[in-house]
């Protein structure tokens, strides 16, 4: 297995930053597109545990659109072969000193790169 093939890293990096842009602009259509549409998809957050695309969609639909801007740091993207990647980053939200961490597992599916598992936590 080859780790961090440059073309694959570029693909996943583009998908990750597309997700990030959709997150801070509350573009729920793109956020929905980038998650695997399956009941086995998991998103664990600072205040929620979501199992399946239905729960993830409902969370996104009810989430306030304000206060989503954030600053990323220590973003790391590692690809394994041509179809699997892990993206990790720290962030701080605008107006807050709390540090958050986010990790996503991405898999190349027939319709493109999709998040199959995500975890968000607030550390301080």
PDB file of N, CA and C in Angstrom:
ATOM      1  N   UNK A   1       0.854  -1.175   0.000  1.00  0.00           N
ATOM      2  CA  UNK A   1       0.000   0.000   0.000  1.00  0.00           C
ATOM      3  C   UNK A   1       0.896   1.233   0.000  1.00  0.00           C
ATOM      4  N   UNK A   2       0.560   2.169  -0.865  1.00  0.00           N
ATOM      5  CA  UNK A   2       1.322   3.406  -0.922  1.00  0.00           C
ATOM      6  C   UNK A   2       0.606   4.483  -0.118  1.00  0.00           C
ATOM      7  N   UNK A   3       1.380   5.174   0.673  1.00  0.00           N
ATOM      8  CA  UNK A   3       0.839   6.224   1.517  1.00  0.00           C
ATOM      9  C   UNK A   3       1.156   7.576   0.887  1.00  0.00           C
ATOM     10  N   UNK A   4       0.147   8.439   0.851  1.00  0.00           N
ATOM     11  CA  UNK A   4       0.276   9.813   0.366  1.00  0.00           C
ATOM     12  C   UNK A   4       0.733   9.918  -1.086  1.00  0.00           C
ATOM     13  N   UNK A   5       0.062   9.159  -1.952  1.00  0.00           N
ATOM     14  CA  UNK A   5       0.276   9.362  -3.383  1.00  0.00           C
ATOM     15  C   UNK A   5      -0.126  10.800  -3.709  1.00  0.00           C
ATOM     16  N   UNK A   6       0.720  11.577  -4.356  1.00  0.00           N
ATOM     17  CA  UNK A   6       0.428  13.004  -4.554  1.00  0.00           C
ATOM     18  C   UNK A   6      -0.927  13.284  -5.210  1.00  0.00           C
ATOM     19  N   UNK A   7      -1.310  12.550  -6.215  1.00  0.00           N
ATOM     20  CA  UNK A   7      -2.598  12.803  -6.884  1.00  0.00           C
ATOM     21  C   UNK A   7      -3.772  12.520  -5.950  1.00  0.00           C
ATOM     22  N   UNK A   8      -3.658  11.494  -5.117  1.00  0.00           N
ATOM     23  CA  UNK A   8      -4.737  11.142  -4.188  1.00  0.00           C
ATOM     24  C   UNK A   8      -4.808  12.178  -3.069  1.00  0.00           C
ATOM     25  N   UNK A   9      -3.659  12.597  -2.558  1.00  0.00           N
ATOM     26  CA  UNK A   9      -3.648  13.651  -1.535  1.00  0.00           C
ATOM     27  C   UNK A   9      -4.321  14.906  -2.084  1.00  0.00           C
ATOM     28  N   UNK A  10      -4.051  15.264  -3.321  1.00  0.00           N
ATOM     29  CA  UNK A  10      -4.667  16.449  -3.933  1.00  0.00           C
ATOM     30  C   UNK A  10      -6.183  16.298  -4.016  1.00  0.00           C
ATOM     31  N   UNK A  11      -6.664  15.117  -4.391  1.00  0.00           N
ATOM     32  CA  UNK A  11      -8.111  14.881  -4.477  1.00  0.00           C
ATOM     33  C   UNK A  11      -8.773  15.027  -3.106  1.00  0.00           C
ATOM     34  N   UNK A  12      -8.190  14.395  -2.106  1.00  0.00           N
ATOM     35  CA  UNK A  12      -8.788  14.422  -0.766  1.00  0.00           C
ATOM     36  C   UNK A  12      -8.688  15.822  -0.168  1.00  0.00           C
ATOM     37  N   UNK A  13      -7.582  16.497  -0.399  1.00  0.00           N
ATOM     38  CA  UNK A  13      -7.430  17.869   0.088  1.00  0.00           C
ATOM     39  C   UNK A  13      -8.521  18.760  -0.494  1.00  0.00           C
ATOM     40  N   UNK A  14      -8.780  18.631  -1.781  1.00  0.00           N
ATOM     41  CA  UNK A  14      -9.846  19.413  -2.413  1.00  0.00           C
ATOM     42  C   UNK A  14     -11.199  19.085  -1.795  1.00  0.00           C
ATOM     43  N   UNK A  15     -11.473  17.804  -1.556  1.00  0.00           N
ATOM     44  CA  UNK A  15     -12.744  17.403  -0.951  1.00  0.00           C
ATOM     45  C   UNK A  15     -12.850  17.947   0.475  1.00  0.00           C
ATOM     46  N   UNK A  16     -11.769  17.854   1.241  1.00  0.00           N
ATOM     47  CA  UNK A  16     -11.765  18.351   2.618  1.00  0.00           C
ATOM     48  C   UNK A  16     -12.070  19.850   2.662  1.00  0.00           C
ATOM     49  N   UNK A  17     -11.400  20.634   1.828  1.00  0.00           N
ATOM     50  CA  UNK A  17     -11.622  22.076   1.857  1.00  0.00           C
ATOM     51  C   UNK A  17     -12.969  22.463   1.249  1.00  0.00           C
ATOM     52  N   UNK A  18     -13.495  21.650   0.377  1.00  0.00           N
ATOM     53  CA  UNK A  18     -14.867  21.865  -0.100  1.00  0.00           C
ATOM     54  C   UNK A  18     -15.841  21.665   1.067  1.00  0.00           C
ATOM     55  N   UNK A  19     -15.615  20.625   1.857  1.00  0.00           N
ATOM     56  CA  UNK A  19     -16.429  20.387   3.055  1.00  0.00           C
ATOM     57  C   UNK A  19     -16.316  21.573   4.013  1.00  0.00           C
ATOM     58  N   UNK A  20     -15.098  22.042   4.247  1.00  0.00           N
ATOM     59  CA  UNK A  20     -14.886  23.144   5.179  1.00  0.00           C
ATOM     60  C   UNK A  20     -15.617  24.402   4.717  1.00  0.00           C
ATOM     61  N   UNK A  21     -15.539  24.726   3.436  1.00  0.00           N
ATOM     62  CA  UNK A  21     -16.245  25.894   2.901  1.00  0.00           C
ATOM     63  C   UNK A  21     -17.754  25.740   3.076  1.00  0.00           C
ATOM     64  N   UNK A  22     -18.267  24.540   2.842  1.00  0.00           N
ATOM     65  CA  UNK A  22     -19.700  24.291   3.017  1.00  0.00           C
ATOM     66  C   UNK A  22     -20.091  24.392   4.491  1.00  0.00           C
ATOM     67  N   UNK A  23     -19.222  23.939   5.367  1.00  0.00           N
ATOM     68  CA  UNK A  23     -19.512  23.980   6.800  1.00  0.00           C
ATOM     69  C   UNK A  23     -19.666  25.418   7.289  1.00  0.00           C
ATOM     70  N   UNK A  24     -18.715  26.273   6.965  1.00  0.00           N
ATOM     71  CA  UNK A  24     -18.765  27.635   7.498  1.00  0.00           C
ATOM     72  C   UNK A  24     -19.816  28.496   6.800  1.00  0.00           C
ATOM     73  N   UNK A  25     -20.270  28.082   5.617  1.00  0.00           N
ATOM     74  CA  UNK A  25     -21.337  28.822   4.929  1.00  0.00           C
ATOM     75  C   UNK A  25     -22.704  28.165   5.118  1.00  0.00           C
ATOM     76  N   UNK A  26     -22.726  27.071   5.897  1.00  0.00           N
ATOM     77  CA  UNK A  26     -23.939  26.305   6.169  1.00  0.00           C
ATOM     78  C   UNK A  26     -24.622  25.833   4.879  1.00  0.00           C
ATOM     79  N   UNK A  27     -23.819  25.385   3.934  1.00  0.00           N
ATOM     80  CA  UNK A  27     -24.329  24.841   2.675  1.00  0.00           C
ATOM     81  C   UNK A  27     -24.690  23.376   2.908  1.00  0.00           C
ATOM     82  N   UNK A  28     -25.893  23.151   3.392  1.00  0.00           N
ATOM     83  CA  UNK A  28     -26.298  21.801   3.792  1.00  0.00           C
ATOM     84  C   UNK A  28     -26.361  20.835   2.608  1.00  0.00           C
ATOM     85  N   UNK A  29     -26.602  21.333   1.406  1.00  0.00           N
ATOM     86  CA  UNK A  29     -26.638  20.448   0.231  1.00  0.00           C
ATOM     87  C   UNK A  29     -25.264  19.834  -0.013  1.00  0.00           C
ATOM     88  N   UNK A  30     -24.221  20.640   0.062  1.00  0.00           N
ATOM     89  CA  UNK A  30     -22.864  20.114  -0.139  1.00  0.00           C
ATOM     90  C   UNK A  30     -22.460  19.235   1.035  1.00  0.00           C
ATOM     91  N   UNK A  31     -22.784  19.652   2.260  1.00  0.00           N
ATOM     92  CA  UNK A  31     -22.463  18.817   3.420  1.00  0.00           C
ATOM     93  C   UNK A  31     -23.112  17.445   3.293  1.00  0.00           C
ATOM     94  N   UNK A  32     -24.373  17.425   2.879  1.00  0.00           N
ATOM     95  CA  UNK A  32     -25.080  16.158   2.686  1.00  0.00           C
ATOM     96  C   UNK A  32     -24.412  15.329   1.578  1.00  0.00           C
ATOM     97  N   UNK A  33     -24.050  15.982   0.507  1.00  0.00           N
ATOM     98  CA  UNK A  33     -23.405  15.274  -0.615  1.00  0.00           C
ATOM     99  C   UNK A  33     -22.117  14.585  -0.186  1.00  0.00           C
ATOM    100  N   UNK A  34     -21.349  15.234   0.696  1.00  0.00           N
ATOM    101  CA  UNK A  34     -20.028  14.729   1.043  1.00  0.00           C
ATOM    102  C   UNK A  34     -20.040  13.638   2.109  1.00  0.00           C
ATOM    103  N   UNK A  35     -21.190  13.386   2.734  1.00  0.00           N
ATOM    104  CA  UNK A  35     -21.297  12.247   3.645  1.00  0.00           C
ATOM    105  C   UNK A  35     -21.820  11.033   2.878  1.00  0.00           C
ATOM    106  N   UNK A  36     -21.359   9.867   3.260  1.00  0.00           N
ATOM    107  CA  UNK A  36     -21.846   8.616   2.685  1.00  0.00           C
ATOM    108  C   UNK A  36     -23.321   8.484   3.024  1.00  0.00           C
ATOM    109  N   UNK A  37     -24.131   8.232   2.050  1.00  0.00           N
ATOM    110  CA  UNK A  37     -25.586   8.118   2.249  1.00  0.00           C
ATOM    111  C   UNK A  37     -25.913   6.686   2.674  1.00  0.00           C
ATOM    112  N   UNK A  38     -25.642   6.413   3.934  1.00  0.00           N
ATOM    113  CA  UNK A  38     -25.814   5.060   4.455  1.00  0.00           C
ATOM    114  C   UNK A  38     -26.116   5.143   5.949  1.00  0.00           C
ATOM    115  N   UNK A  39     -26.832   4.177   6.432  1.00  0.00           N
ATOM    116  CA  UNK A  39     -27.171   4.136   7.862  1.00  0.00           C
ATOM    117  C   UNK A  39     -25.976   3.764   8.734  1.00  0.00           C
ATOM    118  N   UNK A  40     -24.877   3.359   8.124  1.00  0.00           N
ATOM    119  CA  UNK A  40     -23.662   3.042   8.889  1.00  0.00           C
ATOM    120  C   UNK A  40     -22.726   4.232   9.024  1.00  0.00           C
ATOM    121  N   UNK A  41     -23.090   5.363   8.449  1.00  0.00           N
ATOM    122  CA  UNK A  41     -22.292   6.573   8.588  1.00  0.00           C
ATOM    123  C   UNK A  41     -22.449   7.100  10.013  1.00  0.00           C
ATOM    124  N   UNK A  42     -21.345   7.576  10.589  1.00  0.00           N
ATOM    125  CA  UNK A  42     -21.356   8.035  11.978  1.00  0.00           C
ATOM    126  C   UNK A  42     -20.750   9.430  12.047  1.00  0.00           C
ATOM    127  N   UNK A  43     -21.384  10.306  12.824  1.00  0.00           N
ATOM    128  CA  UNK A  43     -20.820  11.616  13.147  1.00  0.00           C
ATOM    129  C   UNK A  43     -21.000  11.832  14.640  1.00  0.00           C
ATOM    130  N   UNK A  44     -19.886  11.867  15.343  1.00  0.00           N
ATOM    131  CA  UNK A  44     -19.901  12.080  16.786  1.00  0.00           C
ATOM    132  C   UNK A  44     -19.398  13.493  17.041  1.00  0.00           C
ATOM    133  N   UNK A  45     -20.194  14.300  17.718  1.00  0.00           N
ATOM    134  CA  UNK A  45     -19.836  15.696  17.923  1.00  0.00           C
ATOM    135  C   UNK A  45     -19.699  16.052  19.385  1.00  0.00           C
ATOM    136  N   UNK A  46     -19.462  17.345  19.610  1.00  0.00           N
ATOM    137  CA  UNK A  46     -19.283  17.829  20.977  1.00  0.00           C
ATOM    138  C   UNK A  46     -20.545  17.653  21.808  1.00  0.00           C
ATOM    139  N   UNK A  47     -21.709  17.669  21.174  1.00  0.00           N
ATOM    140  CA  UNK A  47     -22.949  17.528  21.924  1.00  0.00           C
ATOM    141  C   UNK A  47     -23.941  16.584  21.287  1.00  0.00           C
ATOM    142  N   UNK A  48     -23.489  15.787  20.310  1.00  0.00           N
ATOM    143  CA  UNK A  48     -24.417  14.891  19.626  1.00  0.00           C
ATOM    144  C   UNK A  48     -23.700  13.623  19.170  1.00  0.00           C
ATOM    145  N   UNK A  49     -24.466  12.567  19.098  1.00  0.00           N
ATOM    146  CA  UNK A  49     -24.004  11.281  18.577  1.00  0.00           C
ATOM    147  C   UNK A  49     -24.985  10.880  17.490  1.00  0.00           C
ATOM    148  N   UNK A  50     -24.545  10.959  16.247  1.00  0.00           N
ATOM    149  CA  UNK A  50     -25.432  10.753  15.107  1.00  0.00           C
ATOM    150  C   UNK A  50     -25.059   9.471  14.380  1.00  0.00           C
ATOM    151  N   UNK A  51     -26.033   8.607  14.230  1.00  0.00           N
ATOM    152  CA  UNK A  51     -25.826   7.320  13.575  1.00  0.00           C
ATOM    153  C   UNK A  51     -26.727   7.236  12.354  1.00  0.00           C
ATOM    154  N   UNK A  52     -26.113   7.201  11.194  1.00  0.00           N
ATOM    155  CA  UNK A  52     -26.866   7.099   9.948  1.00  0.00           C
ATOM    156  C   UNK A  52     -27.069   8.447   9.296  1.00  0.00           C
ATOM    157  N   UNK A  53     -27.162   8.436   7.977  1.00  0.00           N
ATOM    158  CA  UNK A  53     -27.292   9.672   7.215  1.00  0.00           C
ATOM    159  C   UNK A  53     -28.561  10.439   7.582  1.00  0.00           C
ATOM    160  N   UNK A  54     -29.631   9.753   7.967  1.00  0.00           N
ATOM    161  CA  UNK A  54     -30.865  10.433   8.356  1.00  0.00           C
ATOM    162  C   UNK A  54     -30.664  11.329   9.568  1.00  0.00           C
ATOM    163  N   UNK A  55     -29.989  10.832  10.597  1.00  0.00           N
ATOM    164  CA  UNK A  55     -29.732  11.640  11.790  1.00  0.00           C
ATOM    165  C   UNK A  55     -28.773  12.790  11.477  1.00  0.00           C
ATOM    166  N   UNK A  56     -27.806  12.551  10.619  1.00  0.00           N
ATOM    167  CA  UNK A  56     -26.859  13.605  10.243  1.00  0.00           C
ATOM    168  C   UNK A  56     -27.588  14.707   9.484  1.00  0.00           C
ATOM    169  N   UNK A  57     -28.452  14.330   8.563  1.00  0.00           N
ATOM    170  CA  UNK A  57     -29.239  15.323   7.808  1.00  0.00           C
ATOM    171  C   UNK A  57     -30.131  16.137   8.744  1.00  0.00           C
ATOM    172  N   UNK A  58     -30.783  15.485   9.674  1.00  0.00           N
ATOM    173  CA  UNK A  58     -31.674  16.187  10.599  1.00  0.00           C
ATOM    174  C   UNK A  58     -30.883  17.170  11.468  1.00  0.00           C
ATOM    175  N   UNK A  59     -29.713  16.780  11.916  1.00  0.00           N
ATOM    176  CA  UNK A  59     -28.857  17.668  12.699  1.00  0.00           C
ATOM    177  C   UNK A  59     -28.486  18.898  11.892  1.00  0.00           C
ATOM    178  N   UNK A  60     -28.053  18.696  10.663  1.00  0.00           N
ATOM    179  CA  UNK A  60     -27.658  19.822   9.807  1.00  0.00           C
ATOM    180  C   UNK A  60     -28.844  20.755   9.543  1.00  0.00           C
ATOM    181  N   UNK A  61     -30.014  20.188   9.327  1.00  0.00           N
ATOM    182  CA  UNK A  61     -31.189  20.997   9.014  1.00  0.00           C
ATOM    183  C   UNK A  61     -31.611  21.878  10.188  1.00  0.00           C
ATOM    184  N   UNK A  62     -31.349  21.427  11.410  1.00  0.00           N
ATOM    185  CA  UNK A  62     -31.801  22.186  12.579  1.00  0.00           C
ATOM    186  C   UNK A  62     -30.698  23.040  13.201  1.00  0.00           C
ATOM    187  N   UNK A  63     -29.501  22.965  12.670  1.00  0.00           N
ATOM    188  CA  UNK A  63     -28.376  23.693  13.250  1.00  0.00           C
ATOM    189  C   UNK A  63     -28.433  25.171  12.871  1.00  0.00           C
ATOM    190  N   UNK A  64     -28.191  26.073  13.830  1.00  0.00           N
ATOM    191  CA  UNK A  64     -28.168  27.507  13.498  1.00  0.00           C
ATOM    192  C   UNK A  64     -27.072  27.816  12.477  1.00  0.00           C
ATOM    193  N   UNK A  65     -27.340  28.769  11.612  1.00  0.00           N
ATOM    194  CA  UNK A  65     -26.388  29.128  10.559  1.00  0.00           C
ATOM    195  C   UNK A  65     -25.375  30.179  11.011  1.00  0.00           C
ATOM    196  N   UNK A  66     -25.554  30.745  12.195  1.00  0.00           N
ATOM    197  CA  UNK A  66     -24.660  31.812  12.667  1.00  0.00           C
ATOM    198  C   UNK A  66     -23.511  31.229  13.482  1.00  0.00           C
ATOM    199  N   UNK A  67     -22.396  31.929  13.495  1.00  0.00           N
ATOM    200  CA  UNK A  67     -21.267  31.554  14.347  1.00  0.00           C
ATOM    201  C   UNK A  67     -20.494  30.338  13.878  1.00  0.00           C
ATOM    202  N   UNK A  68     -20.478  30.070  12.599  1.00  0.00           N
ATOM    203  CA  UNK A  68     -19.810  28.868  12.090  1.00  0.00           C
ATOM    204  C   UNK A  68     -18.384  29.107  11.605  1.00  0.00           C
ATOM    205  N   UNK A  69     -17.996  30.375  11.449  1.00  0.00           N
ATOM    206  CA  UNK A  69     -16.639  30.660  10.979  1.00  0.00           C
ATOM    207  C   UNK A  69     -15.624  30.123  11.975  1.00  0.00           C
ATOM    208  N   UNK A  70     -14.512  29.626  11.429  1.00  0.00           N
ATOM    209  CA  UNK A  70     -13.485  29.097  12.313  1.00  0.00           C
ATOM    210  C   UNK A  70     -12.131  29.153  11.632  1.00  0.00           C
ATOM    211  N   UNK A  71     -11.110  29.069  12.448  1.00  0.00           N
ATOM    212  CA  UNK A  71      -9.733  29.079  11.974  1.00  0.00           C
ATOM    213  C   UNK A  71      -9.167  27.677  12.159  1.00  0.00           C
ATOM    214  N   UNK A  72      -8.638  27.095  11.087  1.00  0.00           N
ATOM    215  CA  UNK A  72      -8.043  25.766  11.164  1.00  0.00           C
ATOM    216  C   UNK A  72      -6.547  25.870  11.439  1.00  0.00           C
ATOM    217  N   UNK A  73      -6.029  24.843  12.094  1.00  0.00           N
ATOM    218  CA  UNK A  73      -4.578  24.720  12.264  1.00  0.00           C
ATOM    219  C   UNK A  73      -4.234  23.253  12.446  1.00  0.00           C
ATOM    220  N   UNK A  74      -3.002  22.935  12.163  1.00  0.00           N
ATOM    221  CA  UNK A  74      -2.480  21.565  12.276  1.00  0.00           C
ATOM    222  C   UNK A  74      -3.296  20.582  11.437  1.00  0.00           C
ATOM    223  N   UNK A  75      -3.754  21.012  10.276  1.00  0.00           N
ATOM    224  CA  UNK A  75      -4.516  20.118   9.403  1.00  0.00           C
ATOM    225  C   UNK A  75      -3.569  19.097   8.784  1.00  0.00           C
ATOM    226  N   UNK A  76      -3.927  17.836   8.929  1.00  0.00           N
ATOM    227  CA  UNK A  76      -3.124  16.741   8.399  1.00  0.00           C
ATOM    228  C   UNK A  76      -4.025  15.829   7.579  1.00  0.00           C
ATOM    229  N   UNK A  77      -3.595  15.535   6.371  1.00  0.00           N
ATOM    230  CA  UNK A  77      -4.328  14.626   5.497  1.00  0.00           C
ATOM    231  C   UNK A  77      -3.390  13.499   5.108  1.00  0.00           C
ATOM    232  N   UNK A  78      -3.802  12.274   5.407  1.00  0.00           N
ATOM    233  CA  UNK A  78      -3.000  11.094   5.071  1.00  0.00           C
ATOM    234  C   UNK A  78      -3.866  10.161   4.246  1.00  0.00           C
ATOM    235  N   UNK A  79      -3.332   9.751   3.102  1.00  0.00           N
ATOM    236  CA  UNK A  79      -4.061   8.810   2.250  1.00  0.00           C
ATOM    237  C   UNK A  79      -3.370   7.453   2.293  1.00  0.00           C
ATOM    238  N   UNK A  80      -4.175   6.427   2.173  1.00  0.00           N
ATOM    239  CA  UNK A  80      -3.695   5.048   2.205  1.00  0.00           C
ATOM    240  C   UNK A  80      -4.174   4.382   0.929  1.00  0.00           C
ATOM    241  N   UNK A  81      -3.254   4.123   0.007  1.00  0.00           N
ATOM    242  CA  UNK A  81      -3.661   3.606  -1.291  1.00  0.00           C
ATOM    243  C   UNK A  81      -4.433   4.677  -2.041  1.00  0.00           C
ATOM    244  N   UNK A  82      -5.364   4.252  -2.871  1.00  0.00           N
ATOM    245  CA  UNK A  82      -6.112   5.189  -3.707  1.00  0.00           C
ATOM    246  C   UNK A  82      -7.534   5.438  -3.230  1.00  0.00           C
ATOM    247  N   UNK A  83      -7.964   4.771  -2.142  1.00  0.00           N
ATOM    248  CA  UNK A  83      -9.382   4.818  -1.791  1.00  0.00           C
ATOM    249  C   UNK A  83      -9.690   5.116  -0.329  1.00  0.00           C
ATOM    250  N   UNK A  84      -8.696   5.465   0.486  1.00  0.00           N
ATOM    251  CA  UNK A  84      -8.935   5.642   1.913  1.00  0.00           C
ATOM    252  C   UNK A  84      -8.076   6.793   2.419  1.00  0.00           C
ATOM    253  N   UNK A  85      -8.661   7.649   3.262  1.00  0.00           N
ATOM    254  CA  UNK A  85      -7.911   8.780   3.806  1.00  0.00           C
ATOM    255  C   UNK A  85      -8.438   9.166   5.175  1.00  0.00           C
ATOM    256  N   UNK A  86      -7.569   9.791   5.958  1.00  0.00           N
ATOM    257  CA  UNK A  86      -7.936  10.338   7.258  1.00  0.00           C
ATOM    258  C   UNK A  86      -7.513  11.797   7.274  1.00  0.00           C
ATOM    259  N   UNK A  87      -8.444  12.668   7.650  1.00  0.00           N
ATOM    260  CA  UNK A  87      -8.182  14.106   7.759  1.00  0.00           C
ATOM    261  C   UNK A  87      -8.375  14.514   9.210  1.00  0.00           C
ATOM    262  N   UNK A  88      -7.375  15.193   9.766  1.00  0.00           N
ATOM    263  CA  UNK A  88      -7.439  15.658  11.146  1.00  0.00           C
ATOM    264  C   UNK A  88      -7.089  17.129  11.179  1.00  0.00           C
ATOM    265  N   UNK A  89      -7.760  17.875  12.038  1.00  0.00           N
ATOM    266  CA  UNK A  89      -7.453  19.297  12.175  1.00  0.00           C
ATOM    267  C   UNK A  89      -7.868  19.782  13.558  1.00  0.00           C
ATOM    268  N   UNK A  90      -7.258  20.869  13.973  1.00  0.00           N
ATOM    269  CA  UNK A  90      -7.714  21.613  15.143  1.00  0.00           C
ATOM    270  C   UNK A  90      -8.356  22.883  14.642  1.00  0.00           C
ATOM    271  N   UNK A  91      -9.247  23.452  15.445  1.00  0.00           N
ATOM    272  CA  UNK A  91      -9.904  24.690  15.037  1.00  0.00           C
ATOM    273  C   UNK A  91     -10.289  25.515  16.248  1.00  0.00           C
ATOM    274  N   UNK A  92     -10.460  26.801  16.009  1.00  0.00           N
ATOM    275  CA  UNK A  92     -11.067  27.697  16.984  1.00  0.00           C
ATOM    276  C   UNK A  92     -12.164  28.458  16.255  1.00  0.00           C
ATOM    277  N   UNK A  93     -13.288  28.584  16.905  1.00  0.00           N
ATOM    278  CA  UNK A  93     -14.414  29.321  16.317  1.00  0.00           C
ATOM    279  C   UNK A  93     -14.206  30.814  16.548  1.00  0.00           C
ATOM    280  N   UNK A  94     -14.706  31.578  15.607  1.00  0.00           N
ATOM    281  CA  UNK A  94     -14.618  33.019  15.718  1.00  0.00           C
ATOM    282  C   UNK A  94     -15.277  33.465  17.021  1.00  0.00           C
ATOM    283  N   UNK A  95     -14.552  34.270  17.807  1.00  0.00           N
ATOM    284  CA  UNK A  95     -15.096  34.778  19.062  1.00  0.00           C
ATOM    285  C   UNK A  95     -14.936  33.844  20.244  1.00  0.00           C
ATOM    286  N   UNK A  96     -14.222  32.725  20.065  1.00  0.00           N
ATOM    287  CA  UNK A  96     -14.044  31.768  21.151  1.00  0.00           C
ATOM    288  C   UNK A  96     -12.561  31.407  21.284  1.00  0.00           C
ATOM    289  N   UNK A  97     -12.164  31.109  22.498  1.00  0.00           N
ATOM    290  CA  UNK A  97     -10.796  30.662  22.727  1.00  0.00           C
ATOM    291  C   UNK A  97     -10.711  29.146  22.844  1.00  0.00           C
ATOM    292  N   UNK A  98     -11.844  28.479  22.813  1.00  0.00           N
ATOM    293  CA  UNK A  98     -11.860  27.026  22.923  1.00  0.00           C
ATOM    294  C   UNK A  98     -11.255  26.393  21.676  1.00  0.00           C
ATOM    295  N   UNK A  99     -10.492  25.342  21.896  1.00  0.00           N
ATOM    296  CA  UNK A  99      -9.896  24.587  20.797  1.00  0.00           C
ATOM    297  C   UNK A  99     -10.743  23.356  20.523  1.00  0.00           C
ATOM    298  N   UNK A 100     -11.033  23.131  19.283  1.00  0.00           N
ATOM    299  CA  UNK A 100     -11.752  21.934  18.884  1.00  0.00           C
ATOM    300  C   UNK A 100     -10.864  21.042  18.041  1.00  0.00           C
ATOM    301  N   UNK A 101     -11.215  19.794  17.976  1.00  0.00           N
ATOM    302  CA  UNK A 101     -10.514  18.839  17.115  1.00  0.00           C
ATOM    303  C   UNK A 101     -11.553  18.134  16.265  1.00  0.00           C
ATOM    304  N   UNK A 102     -11.141  17.850  15.047  1.00  0.00           N
ATOM    305  CA  UNK A 102     -12.035  17.173  14.097  1.00  0.00           C
ATOM    306  C   UNK A 102     -11.233  16.104  13.379  1.00  0.00           C
ATOM    307  N   UNK A 103     -11.825  14.950  13.220  1.00  0.00           N
ATOM    308  CA  UNK A 103     -11.203  13.887  12.436  1.00  0.00           C
ATOM    309  C   UNK A 103     -12.262  13.257  11.555  1.00  0.00           C
ATOM    310  N   UNK A 104     -11.903  13.055  10.304  1.00  0.00           N
ATOM    311  CA  UNK A 104     -12.826  12.462   9.343  1.00  0.00           C
ATOM    312  C   UNK A 104     -12.142  11.299   8.644  1.00  0.00           C
ATOM    313  N   UNK A 105     -12.907  10.251   8.428  1.00  0.00           N
ATOM    314  CA  UNK A 105     -12.462   9.131   7.599  1.00  0.00           C
ATOM    315  C   UNK A 105     -13.164   9.260   6.268  1.00  0.00           C
ATOM    316  N   UNK A 106     -12.392   9.334   5.198  1.00  0.00           N
ATOM    317  CA  UNK A 106     -12.912   9.480   3.840  1.00  0.00           C
ATOM    318  C   UNK A 106     -12.628   8.214   3.056  1.00  0.00           C
ATOM    319  N   UNK A 107     -13.594   7.809   2.236  1.00  0.00           N
ATOM    320  CA  UNK A 107     -13.450   6.641   1.373  1.00  0.00           C
ATOM    321  C   UNK A 107     -13.893   7.024  -0.033  1.00  0.00           C
ATOM    322  N   UNK A 108     -13.134   6.560  -1.022  1.00  0.00           N
ATOM    323  CA  UNK A 108     -13.562   6.798  -2.399  1.00  0.00           C
ATOM    324  C   UNK A 108     -14.654   5.783  -2.733  1.00  0.00           C
ATOM    325  N   UNK A 109     -15.841   6.290  -3.010  1.00  0.00           N
ATOM    326  CA  UNK A 109     -16.981   5.468  -3.406  1.00  0.00           C
ATOM    327  C   UNK A 109     -17.251   5.715  -4.891  1.00  0.00           C
ATOM    328  N   UNK A 110     -18.144   4.963  -5.514  1.00  0.00           N
ATOM    329  CA  UNK A 110     -18.400   5.161  -6.942  1.00  0.00           C
ATOM    330  C   UNK A 110     -18.769   6.598  -7.319  1.00  0.00           C
ATOM    331  N   UNK A 111     -19.392   7.337  -6.385  1.00  0.00           N
ATOM    332  CA  UNK A 111     -19.775   8.721  -6.693  1.00  0.00           C
ATOM    333  C   UNK A 111     -18.785   9.752  -6.154  1.00  0.00           C
ATOM    334  N   UNK A 112     -17.599   9.329  -5.727  1.00  0.00           N
ATOM    335  CA  UNK A 112     -16.552  10.244  -5.291  1.00  0.00           C
ATOM    336  C   UNK A 112     -16.151  10.043  -3.839  1.00  0.00           C
ATOM    337  N   UNK A 113     -15.304  10.934  -3.340  1.00  0.00           N
ATOM    338  CA  UNK A 113     -14.841  10.865  -1.958  1.00  0.00           C
ATOM    339  C   UNK A 113     -15.976  11.240  -1.008  1.00  0.00           C
ATOM    340  N   UNK A 114     -16.201  10.393   0.005  1.00  0.00           N
ATOM    341  CA  UNK A 114     -17.274  10.618   0.970  1.00  0.00           C
ATOM    342  C   UNK A 114     -16.772  10.367   2.390  1.00  0.00           C
ATOM    343  N   UNK A 115     -17.310  11.130   3.322  1.00  0.00           N
ATOM    344  CA  UNK A 115     -17.007  10.923   4.738  1.00  0.00           C
ATOM    345  C   UNK A 115     -17.850   9.758   5.230  1.00  0.00           C
ATOM    346  N   UNK A 116     -17.199   8.766   5.819  1.00  0.00           N
ATOM    347  CA  UNK A 116     -17.931   7.618   6.358  1.00  0.00           C
ATOM    348  C   UNK A 116     -17.985   7.659   7.884  1.00  0.00           C
ATOM    349  N   UNK A 117     -17.082   8.438   8.481  1.00  0.00           N
ATOM    350  CA  UNK A 117     -17.083   8.611   9.935  1.00  0.00           C
ATOM    351  C   UNK A 117     -16.430   9.949  10.246  1.00  0.00           C
ATOM    352  N   UNK A 118     -17.019  10.671  11.201  1.00  0.00           N
ATOM    353  CA  UNK A 118     -16.480  11.958  11.605  1.00  0.00           C
ATOM    354  C   UNK A 118     -16.633  12.122  13.105  1.00  0.00           C
ATOM    355  N   UNK A 119     -15.640  12.778  13.701  1.00  0.00           N
ATOM    356  CA  UNK A 119     -15.716  13.051  15.126  1.00  0.00           C
ATOM    357  C   UNK A 119     -15.234  14.455  15.384  1.00  0.00           C
ATOM    358  N   UNK A 120     -15.986  15.201  16.183  1.00  0.00           N
ATOM    359  CA  UNK A 120     -15.649  16.576  16.549  1.00  0.00           C
ATOM    360  C   UNK A 120     -15.675  16.657  18.058  1.00  0.00           C
ATOM    361  N   UNK A 121     -14.662  17.303  18.631  1.00  0.00           N
ATOM    362  CA  UNK A 121     -14.642  17.456  20.085  1.00  0.00           C
ATOM    363  C   UNK A 121     -14.100  18.826  20.450  1.00  0.00           C
ATOM    364  N   UNK A 122     -14.493  19.334  21.600  1.00  0.00           N
ATOM    365  CA  UNK A 122     -13.952  20.576  22.148  1.00  0.00           C
ATOM    366  C   UNK A 122     -13.008  20.196  23.274  1.00  0.00           C
ATOM    367  N   UNK A 123     -11.797  20.738  23.210  1.00  0.00           N
ATOM    368  CA  UNK A 123     -10.762  20.315  24.155  1.00  0.00           C
ATOM    369  C   UNK A 123     -10.564  21.314  25.303  1.00  0.00           C
ATOM    370  N   UNK A 124     -10.705  22.584  25.017  1.00  0.00           N
ATOM    371  CA  UNK A 124     -10.443  23.551  26.087  1.00  0.00           C
ATOM    372  C   UNK A 124     -11.273  24.788  25.887  1.00  0.00           C
TER     373      UNK A 124
END
